[in-house]
Amino acid sequence: MLMVKPGLPYLDVIHRLRQNTDLPIAAYHVSGEYAMLKAAAEKGWLNEKDVALETLLCFRRAGCDTILTYYAKQAAQWLSEDGAW
């Protein structure tokens, strides 16, 4: 498994890894990225659910097989409620 940390600033690296290896690729959605979204949501600047799920989707689109995130439980709940999972 190849791990990319932090994940968001290196989506291009994840994409290039996917193009060049069959190994599983994981991204770590680090605490600073999580805290940034939480703080903006608390101030009402963004819709936390929409932005968090879009952020996780970005990792998948880039080529990740696994995403390590502080949003894991909340994202699973959101996806379950929406019938997407």
PDB file of N, CA and C in Angstrom:
ATOM      1  N   MET A   1       0.849  -1.175   0.000  1.00  0.00           N
ATOM      2  CA  MET A   1       0.000   0.000   0.000  1.00  0.00           C
ATOM      3  C   MET A   1       0.892   1.236   0.000  1.00  0.00           C
ATOM      4  N   LEU A   2       0.494   2.203  -0.811  1.00  0.00           N
ATOM      5  CA  LEU A   2       1.178   3.492  -0.843  1.00  0.00           C
ATOM      6  C   LEU A   2       0.308   4.514  -0.125  1.00  0.00           C
ATOM      7  N   MET A   3       0.903   5.259   0.793  1.00  0.00           N
ATOM      8  CA  MET A   3       0.174   6.256   1.575  1.00  0.00           C
ATOM      9  C   MET A   3       0.609   7.648   1.164  1.00  0.00           C
ATOM     10  N   VAL A   4      -0.380   8.520   0.939  1.00  0.00           N
ATOM     11  CA  VAL A   4      -0.105   9.919   0.627  1.00  0.00           C
ATOM     12  C   VAL A   4      -0.653  10.757   1.777  1.00  0.00           C
ATOM     13  N   LYS A   5       0.238  11.551   2.386  1.00  0.00           N
ATOM     14  CA  LYS A   5      -0.143  12.377   3.532  1.00  0.00           C
ATOM     15  C   LYS A   5       0.618  13.686   3.455  1.00  0.00           C
ATOM     16  N   PRO A   6      -0.049  14.803   3.529  1.00  0.00           N
ATOM     17  CA  PRO A   6      -1.493  15.024   3.563  1.00  0.00           C
ATOM     18  C   PRO A   6      -2.099  14.755   2.194  1.00  0.00           C
ATOM     19  N   GLY A   7      -3.377  14.467   2.187  1.00  0.00           N
ATOM     20  CA  GLY A   7      -4.030  14.051   0.956  1.00  0.00           C
ATOM     21  C   GLY A   7      -4.405  15.160   0.001  1.00  0.00           C
ATOM     22  N   LEU A   8      -5.120  16.163   0.473  1.00  0.00           N
ATOM     23  CA  LEU A   8      -5.686  17.173  -0.435  1.00  0.00           C
ATOM     24  C   LEU A   8      -4.663  17.913  -1.292  1.00  0.00           C
ATOM     25  N   PRO A   9      -3.539  18.349  -0.735  1.00  0.00           N
ATOM     26  CA  PRO A   9      -2.605  19.090  -1.590  1.00  0.00           C
ATOM     27  C   PRO A   9      -1.910  18.207  -2.627  1.00  0.00           C
ATOM     28  N   TYR A  10      -2.072  16.889  -2.503  1.00  0.00           N
ATOM     29  CA  TYR A  10      -1.353  15.967  -3.378  1.00  0.00           C
ATOM     30  C   TYR A  10      -2.275  15.088  -4.207  1.00  0.00           C
ATOM     31  N   LEU A  11      -3.440  15.592  -4.572  1.00  0.00           N
ATOM     32  CA  LEU A  11      -4.345  14.824  -5.430  1.00  0.00           C
ATOM     33  C   LEU A  11      -3.681  14.502  -6.765  1.00  0.00           C
ATOM     34  N   ASP A  12      -2.845  15.396  -7.263  1.00  0.00           N
ATOM     35  CA  ASP A  12      -2.127  15.132  -8.508  1.00  0.00           C
ATOM     36  C   ASP A  12      -1.140  13.986  -8.353  1.00  0.00           C
ATOM     37  N   VAL A  13      -0.512  13.897  -7.205  1.00  0.00           N
ATOM     38  CA  VAL A  13       0.423  12.800  -6.929  1.00  0.00           C
ATOM     39  C   VAL A  13      -0.346  11.482  -6.856  1.00  0.00           C
ATOM     40  N   ILE A  14      -1.495  11.507  -6.194  1.00  0.00           N
ATOM     41  CA  ILE A  14      -2.332  10.302  -6.106  1.00  0.00           C
ATOM     42  C   ILE A  14      -2.706   9.844  -7.514  1.00  0.00           C
ATOM     43  N   HIS A  15      -3.107  10.778  -8.353  1.00  0.00           N
ATOM     44  CA  HIS A  15      -3.479  10.444  -9.728  1.00  0.00           C
ATOM     45  C   HIS A  15      -2.304   9.820 -10.487  1.00  0.00           C
ATOM     46  N   ARG A  16      -1.129  10.396 -10.342  1.00  0.00           N
ATOM     47  CA  ARG A  16       0.051   9.852 -11.026  1.00  0.00           C
ATOM     48  C   ARG A  16       0.423   8.475 -10.497  1.00  0.00           C
ATOM     49  N   LEU A  17       0.295   8.286  -9.185  1.00  0.00           N
ATOM     50  CA  LEU A  17       0.548   6.954  -8.629  1.00  0.00           C
ATOM     51  C   LEU A  17      -0.412   5.940  -9.228  1.00  0.00           C
ATOM     52  N   ARG A  18      -1.689   6.310  -9.306  1.00  0.00           N
ATOM     53  CA  ARG A  18      -2.698   5.394  -9.848  1.00  0.00           C
ATOM     54  C   ARG A  18      -2.365   4.996 -11.282  1.00  0.00           C
ATOM     55  N   GLN A  19      -1.848   5.933 -12.050  1.00  0.00           N
ATOM     56  CA  GLN A  19      -1.498   5.661 -13.447  1.00  0.00           C
ATOM     57  C   GLN A  19      -0.283   4.749 -13.579  1.00  0.00           C
ATOM     58  N   ASN A  20       0.526   4.678 -12.504  1.00  0.00           N
ATOM     59  CA  ASN A  20       1.801   3.972 -12.603  1.00  0.00           C
ATOM     60  C   ASN A  20       1.969   2.757 -11.706  1.00  0.00           C
ATOM     61  N   THR A  21       0.935   2.393 -10.951  1.00  0.00           N
ATOM     62  CA  THR A  21       1.063   1.225 -10.082  1.00  0.00           C
ATOM     63  C   THR A  21      -0.281   0.541  -9.904  1.00  0.00           C
ATOM     64  N   ASP A  22      -0.211  -0.734  -9.608  1.00  0.00           N
ATOM     65  CA  ASP A  22      -1.408  -1.500  -9.271  1.00  0.00           C
ATOM     66  C   ASP A  22      -1.531  -1.689  -7.759  1.00  0.00           C
ATOM     67  N   LEU A  23      -0.576  -1.160  -7.011  1.00  0.00           N
ATOM     68  CA  LEU A  23      -0.647  -1.249  -5.554  1.00  0.00           C
ATOM     69  C   LEU A  23      -1.820  -0.429  -5.032  1.00  0.00           C
ATOM     70  N   PRO A  24      -2.393  -0.824  -3.898  1.00  0.00           N
ATOM     71  CA  PRO A  24      -3.445  -0.006  -3.296  1.00  0.00           C
ATOM     72  C   PRO A  24      -2.882   1.355  -2.870  1.00  0.00           C
ATOM     73  N   ILE A  25      -3.695   2.385  -3.046  1.00  0.00           N
ATOM     74  CA  ILE A  25      -3.282   3.742  -2.694  1.00  0.00           C
ATOM     75  C   ILE A  25      -4.221   4.277  -1.618  1.00  0.00           C
ATOM     76  N   ALA A  26      -3.630   4.825  -0.570  1.00  0.00           N
ATOM     77  CA  ALA A  26      -4.397   5.402   0.532  1.00  0.00           C
ATOM     78  C   ALA A  26      -4.030   6.869   0.685  1.00  0.00           C
ATOM     79  N   ALA A  27      -5.016   7.656   1.100  1.00  0.00           N
ATOM     80  CA  ALA A  27      -4.773   9.064   1.403  1.00  0.00           C
ATOM     81  C   ALA A  27      -5.178   9.324   2.843  1.00  0.00           C
ATOM     82  N   TYR A  28      -4.416  10.150   3.501  1.00  0.00           N
ATOM     83  CA  TYR A  28      -4.736  10.548   4.861  1.00  0.00           C
ATOM     84  C   TYR A  28      -5.260  11.977   4.823  1.00  0.00           C
ATOM     85  N   HIS A  29      -6.532  12.125   5.139  1.00  0.00           N
ATOM     86  CA  HIS A  29      -7.178  13.435   5.244  1.00  0.00           C
ATOM     87  C   HIS A  29      -6.801  13.968   6.621  1.00  0.00           C
ATOM     88  N   VAL A  30      -5.749  14.730   6.696  1.00  0.00           N
ATOM     89  CA  VAL A  30      -5.126  15.101   7.970  1.00  0.00           C
ATOM     90  C   VAL A  30      -6.020  15.999   8.825  1.00  0.00           C
ATOM     91  N   SER A  31      -5.663  16.071  10.103  1.00  0.00           N
ATOM     92  CA  SER A  31      -6.483  16.801  11.082  1.00  0.00           C
ATOM     93  C   SER A  31      -6.640  18.275  10.730  1.00  0.00           C
ATOM     94  N   GLY A  32      -5.634  18.894  10.133  1.00  0.00           N
ATOM     95  CA  GLY A  32      -5.737  20.307   9.770  1.00  0.00           C
ATOM     96  C   GLY A  32      -6.790  20.546   8.700  1.00  0.00           C
ATOM     97  N   GLU A  33      -6.871  19.620   7.736  1.00  0.00           N
ATOM     98  CA  GLU A  33      -7.892  19.723   6.685  1.00  0.00           C
ATOM     99  C   GLU A  33      -9.287  19.541   7.295  1.00  0.00           C
ATOM    100  N   TYR A  34      -9.400  18.590   8.201  1.00  0.00           N
ATOM    101  CA  TYR A  34     -10.666  18.333   8.902  1.00  0.00           C
ATOM    102  C   TYR A  34     -11.067  19.560   9.727  1.00  0.00           C
ATOM    103  N   ALA A  35     -10.125  20.095  10.497  1.00  0.00           N
ATOM    104  CA  ALA A  35     -10.402  21.253  11.357  1.00  0.00           C
ATOM    105  C   ALA A  35     -10.801  22.479  10.537  1.00  0.00           C
ATOM    106  N   MET A  36     -10.199  22.642   9.377  1.00  0.00           N
ATOM    107  CA  MET A  36     -10.522  23.767   8.508  1.00  0.00           C
ATOM    108  C   MET A  36     -11.995  23.691   8.075  1.00  0.00           C
ATOM    109  N   LEU A  37     -12.447  22.512   7.675  1.00  0.00           N
ATOM    110  CA  LEU A  37     -13.842  22.347   7.266  1.00  0.00           C
ATOM    111  C   LEU A  37     -14.791  22.539   8.444  1.00  0.00           C
ATOM    112  N   LYS A  38     -14.442  21.982   9.602  1.00  0.00           N
ATOM    113  CA  LYS A  38     -15.281  22.124  10.795  1.00  0.00           C
ATOM    114  C   LYS A  38     -15.446  23.590  11.176  1.00  0.00           C
ATOM    115  N   ALA A  39     -14.346  24.337  11.182  1.00  0.00           N
ATOM    116  CA  ALA A  39     -14.386  25.747  11.568  1.00  0.00           C
ATOM    117  C   ALA A  39     -15.227  26.561  10.588  1.00  0.00           C
ATOM    118  N   ALA A  40     -15.062  26.316   9.301  1.00  0.00           N
ATOM    119  CA  ALA A  40     -15.840  27.054   8.298  1.00  0.00           C
ATOM    120  C   ALA A  40     -17.328  26.713   8.417  1.00  0.00           C
ATOM    121  N   ALA A  41     -17.639  25.467   8.702  1.00  0.00           N
ATOM    122  CA  ALA A  41     -19.041  25.063   8.864  1.00  0.00           C
ATOM    123  C   ALA A  41     -19.655  25.716  10.101  1.00  0.00           C
ATOM    124  N   GLU A  42     -18.894  25.769  11.192  1.00  0.00           N
ATOM    125  CA  GLU A  42     -19.391  26.400  12.422  1.00  0.00           C
ATOM    126  C   GLU A  42     -19.698  27.879  12.208  1.00  0.00           C
ATOM    127  N   LYS A  43     -18.947  28.540  11.337  1.00  0.00           N
ATOM    128  CA  LYS A  43     -19.178  29.960  11.052  1.00  0.00           C
ATOM    129  C   LYS A  43     -20.269  30.163  10.004  1.00  0.00           C
ATOM    130  N   GLY A  44     -20.788  29.051   9.461  1.00  0.00           N
ATOM    131  CA  GLY A  44     -21.841  29.144   8.468  1.00  0.00           C
ATOM    132  C   GLY A  44     -21.353  29.470   7.064  1.00  0.00           C
ATOM    133  N   TRP A  45     -20.065  29.317   6.839  1.00  0.00           N
ATOM    134  CA  TRP A  45     -19.479  29.674   5.551  1.00  0.00           C
ATOM    135  C   TRP A  45     -19.683  28.592   4.495  1.00  0.00           C
ATOM    136  N   LEU A  46     -19.987  27.370   4.941  1.00  0.00           N
ATOM    137  CA  LEU A  46     -20.194  26.283   3.992  1.00  0.00           C
ATOM    138  C   LEU A  46     -21.098  25.232   4.605  1.00  0.00           C
ATOM    139  N   ASN A  47     -21.637  24.374   3.744  1.00  0.00           N
ATOM    140  CA  ASN A  47     -22.443  23.248   4.183  1.00  0.00           C
ATOM    141  C   ASN A  47     -21.484  22.087   4.451  1.00  0.00           C
ATOM    142  N   GLU A  48     -21.320  21.747   5.721  1.00  0.00           N
ATOM    143  CA  GLU A  48     -20.319  20.757   6.108  1.00  0.00           C
ATOM    144  C   GLU A  48     -20.510  19.427   5.392  1.00  0.00           C
ATOM    145  N   LYS A  49     -21.719  18.928   5.368  1.00  0.00           N
ATOM    146  CA  LYS A  49     -21.971  17.627   4.742  1.00  0.00           C
ATOM    147  C   LYS A  49     -21.565  17.653   3.270  1.00  0.00           C
ATOM    148  N   ASP A  50     -22.040  18.632   2.529  1.00  0.00           N
ATOM    149  CA  ASP A  50     -21.744  18.710   1.097  1.00  0.00           C
ATOM    150  C   ASP A  50     -20.250  18.811   0.825  1.00  0.00           C
ATOM    151  N   VAL A  51     -19.581  19.674   1.570  1.00  0.00           N
ATOM    152  CA  VAL A  51     -18.152  19.897   1.324  1.00  0.00           C
ATOM    153  C   VAL A  51     -17.321  18.700   1.785  1.00  0.00           C
ATOM    154  N   ALA A  52     -17.662  18.117   2.917  1.00  0.00           N
ATOM    155  CA  ALA A  52     -16.912  16.948   3.399  1.00  0.00           C
ATOM    156  C   ALA A  52     -17.043  15.778   2.432  1.00  0.00           C
ATOM    157  N   LEU A  53     -18.265  15.508   1.973  1.00  0.00           N
ATOM    158  CA  LEU A  53     -18.453  14.394   1.038  1.00  0.00           C
ATOM    159  C   LEU A  53     -17.784  14.674  -0.306  1.00  0.00           C
ATOM    160  N   GLU A  54     -17.823  15.908  -0.762  1.00  0.00           N
ATOM    161  CA  GLU A  54     -17.133  16.254  -2.007  1.00  0.00           C
ATOM    162  C   GLU A  54     -15.620  16.103  -1.846  1.00  0.00           C
ATOM    163  N   THR A  55     -15.105  16.465  -0.692  1.00  0.00           N
ATOM    164  CA  THR A  55     -13.675  16.311  -0.424  1.00  0.00           C
ATOM    165  C   THR A  55     -13.278  14.842  -0.489  1.00  0.00           C
ATOM    166  N   LEU A  56     -14.075  13.977   0.130  1.00  0.00           N
ATOM    167  CA  LEU A  56     -13.771  12.544   0.103  1.00  0.00           C
ATOM    168  C   LEU A  56     -13.899  11.992  -1.315  1.00  0.00           C
ATOM    169  N   LEU A  57     -14.863  12.485  -2.066  1.00  0.00           N
ATOM    170  CA  LEU A  57     -15.016  12.068  -3.455  1.00  0.00           C
ATOM    171  C   LEU A  57     -13.801  12.472  -4.290  1.00  0.00           C
ATOM    172  N   CYS A  58     -13.216  13.611  -3.970  1.00  0.00           N
ATOM    173  CA  CYS A  58     -12.004  14.048  -4.686  1.00  0.00           C
ATOM    174  C   CYS A  58     -10.889  13.014  -4.548  1.00  0.00           C
ATOM    175  N   PHE A  59     -10.739  12.449  -3.374  1.00  0.00           N
ATOM    176  CA  PHE A  59      -9.725  11.414  -3.169  1.00  0.00           C
ATOM    177  C   PHE A  59     -10.000  10.207  -4.058  1.00  0.00           C
ATOM    178  N   ARG A  60     -11.266   9.796  -4.121  1.00  0.00           N
ATOM    179  CA  ARG A  60     -11.635   8.641  -4.954  1.00  0.00           C
ATOM    180  C   ARG A  60     -11.403   8.940  -6.433  1.00  0.00           C
ATOM    181  N   ARG A  61     -11.801  10.123  -6.866  1.00  0.00           N
ATOM    182  CA  ARG A  61     -11.616  10.487  -8.279  1.00  0.00           C
ATOM    183  C   ARG A  61     -10.135  10.524  -8.649  1.00  0.00           C
ATOM    184  N   ALA A  62      -9.299  10.927  -7.708  1.00  0.00           N
ATOM    185  CA  ALA A  62      -7.861  10.979  -7.968  1.00  0.00           C
ATOM    186  C   ALA A  62      -7.262   9.579  -8.077  1.00  0.00           C
ATOM    187  N   GLY A  63      -7.924   8.580  -7.449  1.00  0.00           N
ATOM    188  CA  GLY A  63      -7.451   7.202  -7.572  1.00  0.00           C
ATOM    189  C   GLY A  63      -7.241   6.441  -6.284  1.00  0.00           C
ATOM    190  N   CYS A  64      -7.677   6.998  -5.162  1.00  0.00           N
ATOM    191  CA  CYS A  64      -7.482   6.314  -3.878  1.00  0.00           C
ATOM    192  C   CYS A  64      -8.387   5.093  -3.740  1.00  0.00           C
ATOM    193  N   ASP A  65      -7.818   4.063  -3.149  1.00  0.00           N
ATOM    194  CA  ASP A  65      -8.585   2.885  -2.778  1.00  0.00           C
ATOM    195  C   ASP A  65      -9.084   3.005  -1.341  1.00  0.00           C
ATOM    196  N   THR A  66      -8.314   3.713  -0.520  1.00  0.00           N
ATOM    197  CA  THR A  66      -8.604   3.862   0.902  1.00  0.00           C
ATOM    198  C   THR A  66      -8.420   5.316   1.306  1.00  0.00           C
ATOM    199  N   ILE A  67      -9.335   5.804   2.158  1.00  0.00           N
ATOM    200  CA  ILE A  67      -9.231   7.166   2.676  1.00  0.00           C
ATOM    201  C   ILE A  67      -9.281   7.100   4.194  1.00  0.00           C
ATOM    202  N   LEU A  68      -8.250   7.596   4.824  1.00  0.00           N
ATOM    203  CA  LEU A  68      -8.234   7.688   6.278  1.00  0.00           C
ATOM    204  C   LEU A  68      -8.647   9.110   6.636  1.00  0.00           C
ATOM    205  N   THR A  69      -9.761   9.253   7.368  1.00  0.00           N
ATOM    206  CA  THR A  69     -10.294  10.571   7.654  1.00  0.00           C
ATOM    207  C   THR A  69     -10.977  10.624   9.005  1.00  0.00           C
ATOM    208  N   TYR A  70     -10.927  11.785   9.621  1.00  0.00           N
ATOM    209  CA  TYR A  70     -11.666  12.008  10.863  1.00  0.00           C
ATOM    210  C   TYR A  70     -13.167  12.067  10.591  1.00  0.00           C
ATOM    211  N   TYR A  71     -13.551  12.184   9.343  1.00  0.00           N
ATOM    212  CA  TYR A  71     -14.958  12.208   8.955  1.00  0.00           C
ATOM    213  C   TYR A  71     -15.535  10.803   8.746  1.00  0.00           C
ATOM    214  N   ALA A  72     -14.802   9.752   8.998  1.00  0.00           N
ATOM    215  CA  ALA A  72     -15.240   8.398   8.653  1.00  0.00           C
ATOM    216  C   ALA A  72     -16.633   8.063   9.201  1.00  0.00           C
ATOM    217  N   LYS A  73     -16.836   8.226  10.482  1.00  0.00           N
ATOM    218  CA  LYS A  73     -18.139   7.878  11.069  1.00  0.00           C
ATOM    219  C   LYS A  73     -19.250   8.777  10.551  1.00  0.00           C
ATOM    220  N   GLN A  74     -18.993  10.068  10.493  1.00  0.00           N
ATOM    221  CA  GLN A  74     -20.010  11.018  10.039  1.00  0.00           C
ATOM    222  C   GLN A  74     -20.344  10.785   8.571  1.00  0.00           C
ATOM    223  N   ALA A  75     -19.329  10.552   7.741  1.00  0.00           N
ATOM    224  CA  ALA A  75     -19.566  10.310   6.312  1.00  0.00           C
ATOM    225  C   ALA A  75     -20.369   9.030   6.115  1.00  0.00           C
ATOM    226  N   ALA A  76     -20.048   7.999   6.876  1.00  0.00           N
ATOM    227  CA  ALA A  76     -20.808   6.748   6.782  1.00  0.00           C
ATOM    228  C   ALA A  76     -22.267   6.983   7.158  1.00  0.00           C
ATOM    229  N   GLN A  77     -22.500   7.781   8.173  1.00  0.00           N
ATOM    230  CA  GLN A  77     -23.871   8.091   8.588  1.00  0.00           C
ATOM    231  C   GLN A  77     -24.598   8.882   7.499  1.00  0.00           C
ATOM    232  N   TRP A  78     -23.950   9.901   6.960  1.00  0.00           N
ATOM    233  CA  TRP A  78     -24.569  10.709   5.902  1.00  0.00           C
ATOM    234  C   TRP A  78     -24.920   9.850   4.694  1.00  0.00           C
ATOM    235  N   LEU A  79     -23.973   9.007   4.270  1.00  0.00           N
ATOM    236  CA  LEU A  79     -24.216   8.161   3.112  1.00  0.00           C
ATOM    237  C   LEU A  79     -25.335   7.150   3.369  1.00  0.00           C
ATOM    238  N   SER A  80     -25.380   6.644   4.589  1.00  0.00           N
ATOM    239  CA  SER A  80     -26.438   5.698   4.951  1.00  0.00           C
ATOM    240  C   SER A  80     -27.804   6.372   4.937  1.00  0.00           C
ATOM    241  N   GLU A  81     -27.874   7.577   5.484  1.00  0.00           N
ATOM    242  CA  GLU A  81     -29.135   8.329   5.517  1.00  0.00           C
ATOM    243  C   GLU A  81     -29.620   8.674   4.118  1.00  0.00           C
ATOM    244  N   ASP A  82     -28.665   8.933   3.211  1.00  0.00           N
ATOM    245  CA  ASP A  82     -29.021   9.300   1.841  1.00  0.00           C
ATOM    246  C   ASP A  82     -29.295   8.081   0.969  1.00  0.00           C
ATOM    247  N   GLY A  83     -29.094   6.890   1.526  1.00  0.00           N
ATOM    248  CA  GLY A  83     -29.296   5.668   0.751  1.00  0.00           C
ATOM    249  C   GLY A  83     -28.193   5.417  -0.270  1.00  0.00           C
ATOM    250  N   ALA A  84     -27.082   6.120  -0.129  1.00  0.00           N
ATOM    251  CA  ALA A  84     -25.986   5.984  -1.070  1.00  0.00           C
ATOM    252  C   ALA A  84     -25.042   4.851  -0.685  1.00  0.00           C
ATOM    253  N   TRP A  85     -25.267   4.285   0.496  1.00  0.00           N
ATOM    254  CA  TRP A  85     -24.341   3.248   0.956  1.00  0.00           C
ATOM    255  C   TRP A  85     -25.082   2.183   1.653  1.00  0.00           C
TER     256      TRP A  85
END
